[in-house]
N, C-alpha and C. Protein backbone atom coordinates (compact mmCIF):
# COMPACT_ATOMS: atom_id res chain seq x y z
N MET A 1 139.29 65.52 117.12
CA MET A 1 138.51 65.28 115.93
C MET A 1 139.19 65.98 114.76
N ALA A 2 139.33 65.29 113.68
CA ALA A 2 139.94 65.87 112.48
C ALA A 2 138.87 66.58 111.66
N TYR A 3 139.24 67.71 111.09
CA TYR A 3 138.33 68.46 110.23
C TYR A 3 138.84 68.35 108.81
N GLY A 4 137.93 68.31 107.87
CA GLY A 4 138.35 68.18 106.49
C GLY A 4 137.23 68.56 105.55
N THR A 5 137.41 68.23 104.33
CA THR A 5 136.43 68.53 103.29
C THR A 5 135.86 67.23 102.77
N ALA A 6 134.55 67.18 102.64
CA ALA A 6 133.89 66.02 102.04
C ALA A 6 133.55 66.37 100.60
N ALA A 7 134.03 65.59 99.67
CA ALA A 7 133.72 65.79 98.25
C ALA A 7 132.77 64.69 97.82
N VAL A 8 131.50 65.06 97.60
CA VAL A 8 130.49 64.08 97.23
C VAL A 8 129.64 64.63 96.09
N ASP A 9 128.98 63.74 95.38
CA ASP A 9 128.09 64.15 94.30
C ASP A 9 126.65 64.27 94.77
N VAL A 10 126.27 63.47 95.77
CA VAL A 10 124.89 63.46 96.24
C VAL A 10 124.88 63.34 97.76
N ILE A 11 124.04 64.15 98.41
CA ILE A 11 123.75 64.00 99.83
C ILE A 11 122.27 63.64 99.90
N GLN A 12 121.95 62.54 100.52
CA GLN A 12 120.58 62.06 100.54
C GLN A 12 120.16 61.73 101.96
N SER A 13 118.97 62.19 102.32
CA SER A 13 118.41 61.84 103.62
C SER A 13 118.09 60.35 103.64
N SER A 14 118.21 59.72 104.77
CA SER A 14 117.90 58.30 104.88
C SER A 14 116.41 58.04 105.00
N THR A 15 115.60 59.11 105.18
CA THR A 15 114.16 58.99 105.33
C THR A 15 113.45 59.77 104.23
N THR A 16 112.55 59.12 103.49
CA THR A 16 111.80 59.78 102.43
C THR A 16 111.02 60.96 102.98
N GLY A 17 111.07 62.09 102.29
CA GLY A 17 110.31 63.27 102.68
C GLY A 17 110.91 64.07 103.81
N THR A 18 112.08 63.70 104.27
CA THR A 18 112.74 64.40 105.36
C THR A 18 114.00 65.07 104.83
N PRO A 19 114.18 66.37 105.09
CA PRO A 19 115.37 67.04 104.56
C PRO A 19 116.64 66.62 105.30
N VAL A 20 117.74 66.78 104.63
CA VAL A 20 119.04 66.56 105.25
C VAL A 20 119.21 67.58 106.36
N GLN A 21 119.75 67.15 107.50
CA GLN A 21 119.97 68.05 108.63
C GLN A 21 121.46 68.30 108.82
N PHE A 22 121.77 69.49 109.29
CA PHE A 22 123.13 69.81 109.68
C PHE A 22 123.15 69.82 111.20
N GLN A 23 124.13 69.11 111.78
CA GLN A 23 124.21 69.01 113.23
C GLN A 23 125.59 69.42 113.71
N ASP A 24 125.64 69.92 114.96
CA ASP A 24 126.94 70.25 115.54
C ASP A 24 127.57 68.97 116.10
N GLY A 25 128.73 69.09 116.73
CA GLY A 25 129.46 67.94 117.23
C GLY A 25 128.72 67.11 118.25
N SER A 26 127.74 67.72 118.95
CA SER A 26 126.99 66.96 119.95
C SER A 26 125.71 66.35 119.38
N GLY A 27 125.46 66.54 118.08
CA GLY A 27 124.27 65.95 117.46
C GLY A 27 123.06 66.86 117.46
N THR A 28 123.21 68.11 117.91
CA THR A 28 122.10 69.07 117.92
C THR A 28 121.91 69.66 116.52
N GLN A 29 120.67 69.64 116.02
CA GLN A 29 120.41 70.19 114.69
C GLN A 29 120.68 71.69 114.68
N ILE A 30 121.43 72.13 113.69
CA ILE A 30 121.74 73.57 113.56
C ILE A 30 121.22 74.15 112.26
N GLY A 31 120.54 73.34 111.46
CA GLY A 31 119.98 73.88 110.22
C GLY A 31 119.57 72.81 109.24
N THR A 32 118.89 73.25 108.19
CA THR A 32 118.51 72.40 107.07
C THR A 32 118.71 73.22 105.80
N LEU A 33 118.56 72.57 104.68
CA LEU A 33 118.65 73.26 103.41
C LEU A 33 117.34 73.99 103.11
N CYS A 34 117.37 74.91 102.18
CA CYS A 34 116.17 75.62 101.74
C CYS A 34 115.19 74.58 101.18
N ARG A 35 113.92 74.62 101.61
CA ARG A 35 112.93 73.63 101.19
C ARG A 35 112.24 74.00 99.89
N ALA A 36 112.23 75.30 99.55
CA ALA A 36 111.61 75.76 98.30
C ALA A 36 112.06 77.19 98.05
N TRP A 37 112.13 77.57 96.77
CA TRP A 37 112.42 78.96 96.41
C TRP A 37 111.86 79.24 95.02
N VAL A 38 111.62 80.51 94.76
CA VAL A 38 111.10 80.89 93.44
C VAL A 38 111.56 82.32 93.09
N ASN A 39 111.81 82.54 91.83
CA ASN A 39 112.11 83.86 91.27
C ASN A 39 111.12 84.04 90.13
N PHE A 40 110.19 85.00 90.26
CA PHE A 40 109.19 85.17 89.21
C PHE A 40 108.96 86.64 88.87
N ASN A 41 108.36 86.85 87.70
CA ASN A 41 108.00 88.18 87.23
C ASN A 41 106.55 88.43 87.63
N GLY A 42 106.32 89.34 88.57
CA GLY A 42 104.98 89.63 89.04
C GLY A 42 104.17 90.53 88.13
N THR A 43 104.79 91.06 87.09
CA THR A 43 104.09 91.98 86.18
C THR A 43 103.58 91.29 84.94
N SER A 44 103.69 89.96 84.89
CA SER A 44 103.38 89.24 83.65
C SER A 44 101.94 88.73 83.56
N GLY A 45 101.01 89.36 84.25
CA GLY A 45 99.60 89.01 84.11
C GLY A 45 99.10 87.98 85.09
N ALA A 46 98.00 87.30 84.73
CA ALA A 46 97.33 86.36 85.63
C ALA A 46 98.20 85.17 85.99
N SER A 47 99.10 84.79 85.11
CA SER A 47 100.02 83.67 85.38
C SER A 47 101.44 84.20 85.37
N PRO A 48 101.95 84.60 86.55
CA PRO A 48 103.31 85.12 86.61
C PRO A 48 104.32 84.14 86.01
N VAL A 49 105.29 84.68 85.30
CA VAL A 49 106.31 83.86 84.68
C VAL A 49 107.38 83.52 85.71
N ILE A 50 107.56 82.22 85.95
CA ILE A 50 108.59 81.75 86.87
C ILE A 50 109.90 81.67 86.09
N ARG A 51 110.88 82.44 86.54
CA ARG A 51 112.20 82.42 85.89
C ARG A 51 112.98 81.17 86.29
N ALA A 52 112.92 80.84 87.57
CA ALA A 52 113.60 79.66 88.11
C ALA A 52 112.95 79.34 89.45
N SER A 53 113.01 78.06 89.84
CA SER A 53 112.41 77.69 91.11
C SER A 53 112.89 76.32 91.55
N PHE A 54 112.59 76.01 92.80
CA PHE A 54 112.80 74.67 93.35
C PHE A 54 111.61 74.37 94.26
N ASN A 55 110.94 73.27 94.04
CA ASN A 55 109.80 72.80 94.81
C ASN A 55 108.61 73.78 94.78
N ILE A 56 108.50 74.54 93.72
CA ILE A 56 107.35 75.41 93.50
C ILE A 56 106.67 74.96 92.21
N SER A 57 105.39 74.58 92.29
CA SER A 57 104.68 74.11 91.10
C SER A 57 104.09 75.25 90.29
N SER A 58 103.65 76.32 90.98
CA SER A 58 103.06 77.45 90.26
C SER A 58 102.92 78.66 91.18
N VAL A 59 102.77 79.81 90.54
CA VAL A 59 102.46 81.06 91.23
C VAL A 59 101.24 81.63 90.53
N THR A 60 100.22 81.98 91.31
CA THR A 60 99.00 82.55 90.75
C THR A 60 98.86 83.99 91.21
N ARG A 61 98.56 84.88 90.28
CA ARG A 61 98.30 86.28 90.62
C ARG A 61 96.81 86.41 90.88
N ASN A 62 96.43 86.72 92.14
CA ASN A 62 95.02 86.86 92.53
C ASN A 62 94.51 88.26 92.28
N GLY A 63 95.40 89.21 92.12
CA GLY A 63 95.09 90.62 91.93
C GLY A 63 96.40 91.37 92.04
N THR A 64 96.36 92.68 91.94
CA THR A 64 97.58 93.48 92.02
C THR A 64 98.32 93.19 93.32
N GLY A 65 99.58 92.76 93.21
CA GLY A 65 100.43 92.50 94.36
C GLY A 65 99.97 91.38 95.27
N ASP A 66 99.12 90.49 94.79
CA ASP A 66 98.53 89.43 95.58
C ASP A 66 98.80 88.10 94.88
N TYR A 67 99.64 87.25 95.49
CA TYR A 67 100.10 86.02 94.84
C TYR A 67 99.91 84.81 95.74
N THR A 68 99.51 83.69 95.14
CA THR A 68 99.49 82.42 95.83
C THR A 68 100.64 81.59 95.28
N ILE A 69 101.47 81.08 96.19
CA ILE A 69 102.63 80.27 95.81
C ILE A 69 102.35 78.83 96.25
N ASN A 70 102.40 77.92 95.27
CA ASN A 70 102.06 76.52 95.49
C ASN A 70 103.31 75.64 95.47
N PHE A 71 103.42 74.76 96.46
CA PHE A 71 104.55 73.84 96.52
C PHE A 71 104.33 72.64 95.61
N SER A 72 105.40 72.12 95.03
CA SER A 72 105.34 70.85 94.29
C SER A 72 105.20 69.70 95.28
N ASN A 73 105.99 69.74 96.35
CA ASN A 73 105.93 68.76 97.43
C ASN A 73 105.60 69.52 98.71
N SER A 74 104.51 69.17 99.33
CA SER A 74 104.03 69.90 100.51
C SER A 74 105.03 69.89 101.66
N MET A 75 104.93 70.91 102.50
CA MET A 75 105.70 70.97 103.74
C MET A 75 105.06 69.97 104.72
N PRO A 76 105.77 69.55 105.75
CA PRO A 76 105.18 68.60 106.70
C PRO A 76 104.06 69.21 107.54
N ASP A 77 104.04 70.54 107.65
CA ASP A 77 103.01 71.24 108.42
C ASP A 77 103.06 72.72 108.02
N THR A 78 102.40 73.58 108.76
CA THR A 78 102.36 75.01 108.43
C THR A 78 103.39 75.83 109.19
N ASN A 79 104.32 75.18 109.86
CA ASN A 79 105.31 75.88 110.68
C ASN A 79 106.57 76.25 109.91
N TYR A 80 106.44 76.52 108.62
CA TYR A 80 107.59 76.94 107.84
C TYR A 80 107.73 78.46 107.88
N SER A 81 108.86 78.91 107.43
CA SER A 81 109.16 80.34 107.39
C SER A 81 109.56 80.71 105.98
N TYR A 82 109.22 81.92 105.56
CA TYR A 82 109.67 82.37 104.25
C TYR A 82 110.12 83.82 104.33
N SER A 83 110.94 84.18 103.39
CA SER A 83 111.39 85.56 103.28
C SER A 83 111.50 85.88 101.80
N GLY A 84 111.54 87.16 101.49
CA GLY A 84 111.59 87.52 100.09
C GLY A 84 112.21 88.87 99.84
N ALA A 85 112.50 89.08 98.60
CA ALA A 85 113.02 90.36 98.13
C ALA A 85 112.34 90.67 96.81
N MET A 86 111.96 91.92 96.63
CA MET A 86 111.26 92.33 95.42
C MET A 86 111.91 93.58 94.84
N ALA A 87 111.70 93.76 93.55
CA ALA A 87 112.15 94.98 92.88
C ALA A 87 110.98 95.53 92.07
N PRO A 88 110.63 96.79 92.30
CA PRO A 88 109.54 97.38 91.51
C PRO A 88 109.99 97.54 90.07
N SER A 89 109.04 97.63 89.16
CA SER A 89 109.39 97.70 87.75
C SER A 89 109.87 99.07 87.30
N SER A 90 109.53 100.15 88.01
CA SER A 90 109.90 101.45 87.47
C SER A 90 110.57 102.42 88.45
N THR A 91 110.48 102.17 89.76
CA THR A 91 111.05 103.13 90.71
C THR A 91 112.06 102.45 91.62
N SER A 92 112.77 103.22 92.39
CA SER A 92 113.76 102.64 93.30
C SER A 92 113.25 102.63 94.74
N THR A 93 111.96 102.64 94.91
CA THR A 93 111.37 102.63 96.24
C THR A 93 111.48 101.25 96.89
N VAL A 94 111.35 101.19 98.18
CA VAL A 94 111.42 99.93 98.93
C VAL A 94 110.13 99.15 98.71
N VAL A 95 110.27 97.86 98.48
CA VAL A 95 109.12 96.98 98.30
C VAL A 95 109.12 95.99 99.45
N THR A 96 107.95 95.75 100.05
CA THR A 96 107.86 94.83 101.18
C THR A 96 106.96 93.64 100.85
N LEU A 97 107.13 92.59 101.62
CA LEU A 97 106.38 91.35 101.46
C LEU A 97 105.61 91.11 102.75
N ALA A 98 104.33 90.76 102.63
CA ALA A 98 103.51 90.48 103.81
C ALA A 98 102.66 89.25 103.54
N GLU A 99 102.35 88.52 104.60
CA GLU A 99 101.48 87.35 104.45
C GLU A 99 100.04 87.81 104.36
N SER A 100 99.29 87.16 103.50
CA SER A 100 97.88 87.47 103.33
C SER A 100 97.05 86.86 104.44
N SER A 101 96.10 87.61 104.95
CA SER A 101 95.17 87.04 105.92
C SER A 101 93.92 86.52 105.21
N ALA A 102 93.84 86.74 103.89
CA ALA A 102 92.67 86.30 103.12
C ALA A 102 92.63 84.77 103.00
N THR A 103 93.78 84.15 102.93
CA THR A 103 93.87 82.69 102.82
C THR A 103 94.91 82.20 103.81
N ALA A 104 94.50 81.33 104.72
CA ALA A 104 95.45 80.79 105.70
C ALA A 104 96.48 79.93 104.99
N ARG A 105 97.74 80.01 105.45
CA ARG A 105 98.77 79.15 104.86
C ARG A 105 98.44 77.70 105.13
N THR A 106 98.79 76.85 104.21
CA THR A 106 98.61 75.41 104.38
C THR A 106 99.96 74.75 104.12
N ALA A 107 100.01 73.45 104.23
CA ALA A 107 101.25 72.73 103.94
C ALA A 107 101.55 72.74 102.45
N SER A 108 100.55 73.06 101.62
CA SER A 108 100.76 73.03 100.17
C SER A 108 100.83 74.40 99.50
N LEU A 109 100.50 75.48 100.22
CA LEU A 109 100.55 76.80 99.60
C LEU A 109 100.57 77.90 100.64
N PHE A 110 100.98 79.11 100.21
CA PHE A 110 100.85 80.30 101.03
C PHE A 110 100.59 81.47 100.10
N ARG A 111 100.03 82.53 100.67
CA ARG A 111 99.63 83.70 99.88
C ARG A 111 100.33 84.94 100.43
N ILE A 112 100.86 85.75 99.52
CA ILE A 112 101.61 86.95 99.91
C ILE A 112 101.07 88.19 99.22
N TYR A 113 101.38 89.35 99.82
CA TYR A 113 101.13 90.65 99.20
C TYR A 113 102.45 91.38 99.06
N THR A 114 102.60 92.12 97.99
CA THR A 114 103.78 92.96 97.80
C THR A 114 103.33 94.41 97.71
N SER A 115 104.03 95.29 98.43
CA SER A 115 103.66 96.70 98.42
C SER A 115 104.90 97.56 98.51
N GLN A 116 104.74 98.82 98.15
CA GLN A 116 105.84 99.78 98.28
C GLN A 116 105.50 100.77 99.38
N GLN A 117 106.40 101.69 99.63
CA GLN A 117 106.19 102.67 100.70
C GLN A 117 104.82 103.31 100.58
N GLY A 118 104.19 103.53 101.73
CA GLY A 118 102.85 104.10 101.74
C GLY A 118 101.78 103.04 101.57
N ALA A 119 102.15 101.77 101.68
CA ALA A 119 101.23 100.64 101.57
C ALA A 119 100.51 100.57 100.23
N VAL A 120 101.17 101.04 99.17
CA VAL A 120 100.61 100.95 97.82
C VAL A 120 100.94 99.57 97.27
N VAL A 121 99.92 98.77 97.00
CA VAL A 121 100.12 97.42 96.50
C VAL A 121 100.60 97.50 95.05
N ILE A 122 101.67 96.73 94.73
CA ILE A 122 102.24 96.75 93.38
C ILE A 122 102.57 95.34 92.92
N ASP A 123 102.75 95.20 91.61
CA ASP A 123 103.26 93.98 91.00
C ASP A 123 104.74 94.20 90.70
N PRO A 124 105.63 93.59 91.47
CA PRO A 124 107.06 93.79 91.22
C PRO A 124 107.53 93.01 90.00
N SER A 125 108.49 93.57 89.29
CA SER A 125 109.03 92.88 88.12
C SER A 125 109.92 91.70 88.53
N ILE A 126 110.54 91.82 89.69
CA ILE A 126 111.35 90.72 90.21
C ILE A 126 110.82 90.40 91.61
N CYS A 127 110.43 89.16 91.80
CA CYS A 127 109.92 88.70 93.09
C CYS A 127 110.63 87.39 93.41
N MET A 128 111.38 87.38 94.53
CA MET A 128 112.16 86.20 94.93
C MET A 128 111.75 85.81 96.35
N VAL A 129 111.37 84.57 96.55
CA VAL A 129 110.92 84.08 97.84
C VAL A 129 111.61 82.75 98.15
N SER A 130 112.09 82.61 99.41
CA SER A 130 112.73 81.37 99.87
C SER A 130 111.95 80.83 101.06
N VAL A 131 111.84 79.50 101.15
CA VAL A 131 111.09 78.85 102.23
C VAL A 131 111.99 77.89 102.98
N PHE A 132 111.93 77.98 104.31
CA PHE A 132 112.72 77.11 105.18
C PHE A 132 111.81 76.43 106.19
N ARG A 133 112.15 75.21 106.56
CA ARG A 133 111.39 74.45 107.57
C ARG A 133 112.35 73.52 108.27
């Protein structure tokens, strides 16, 4: 088998609503592209300011360090995974991301909490979250 580089302008799934899949030589799926991501300012009040995003319609601040992230296009089910990185606005402490048990994740949204060491809930100035399915 020859290996090379494909130079294309668009990669499109043949099925509406289905992401492009990456497969190995035997046809086994080895990955997909990121289904959604967002970079927002968590310190900007009731409506966090989204700096940039893909497939995220809005982020709602429910309270200190408590955010609901809404998809523009829903996931096929609730079996997606997300990860994130945060930066506090004033200190160099570690900030963590946890899923909220207050609202069950759905195909159209999920809810997170952000906190720093000692489980102190905070509003990070930089909040970045990526979603894969």
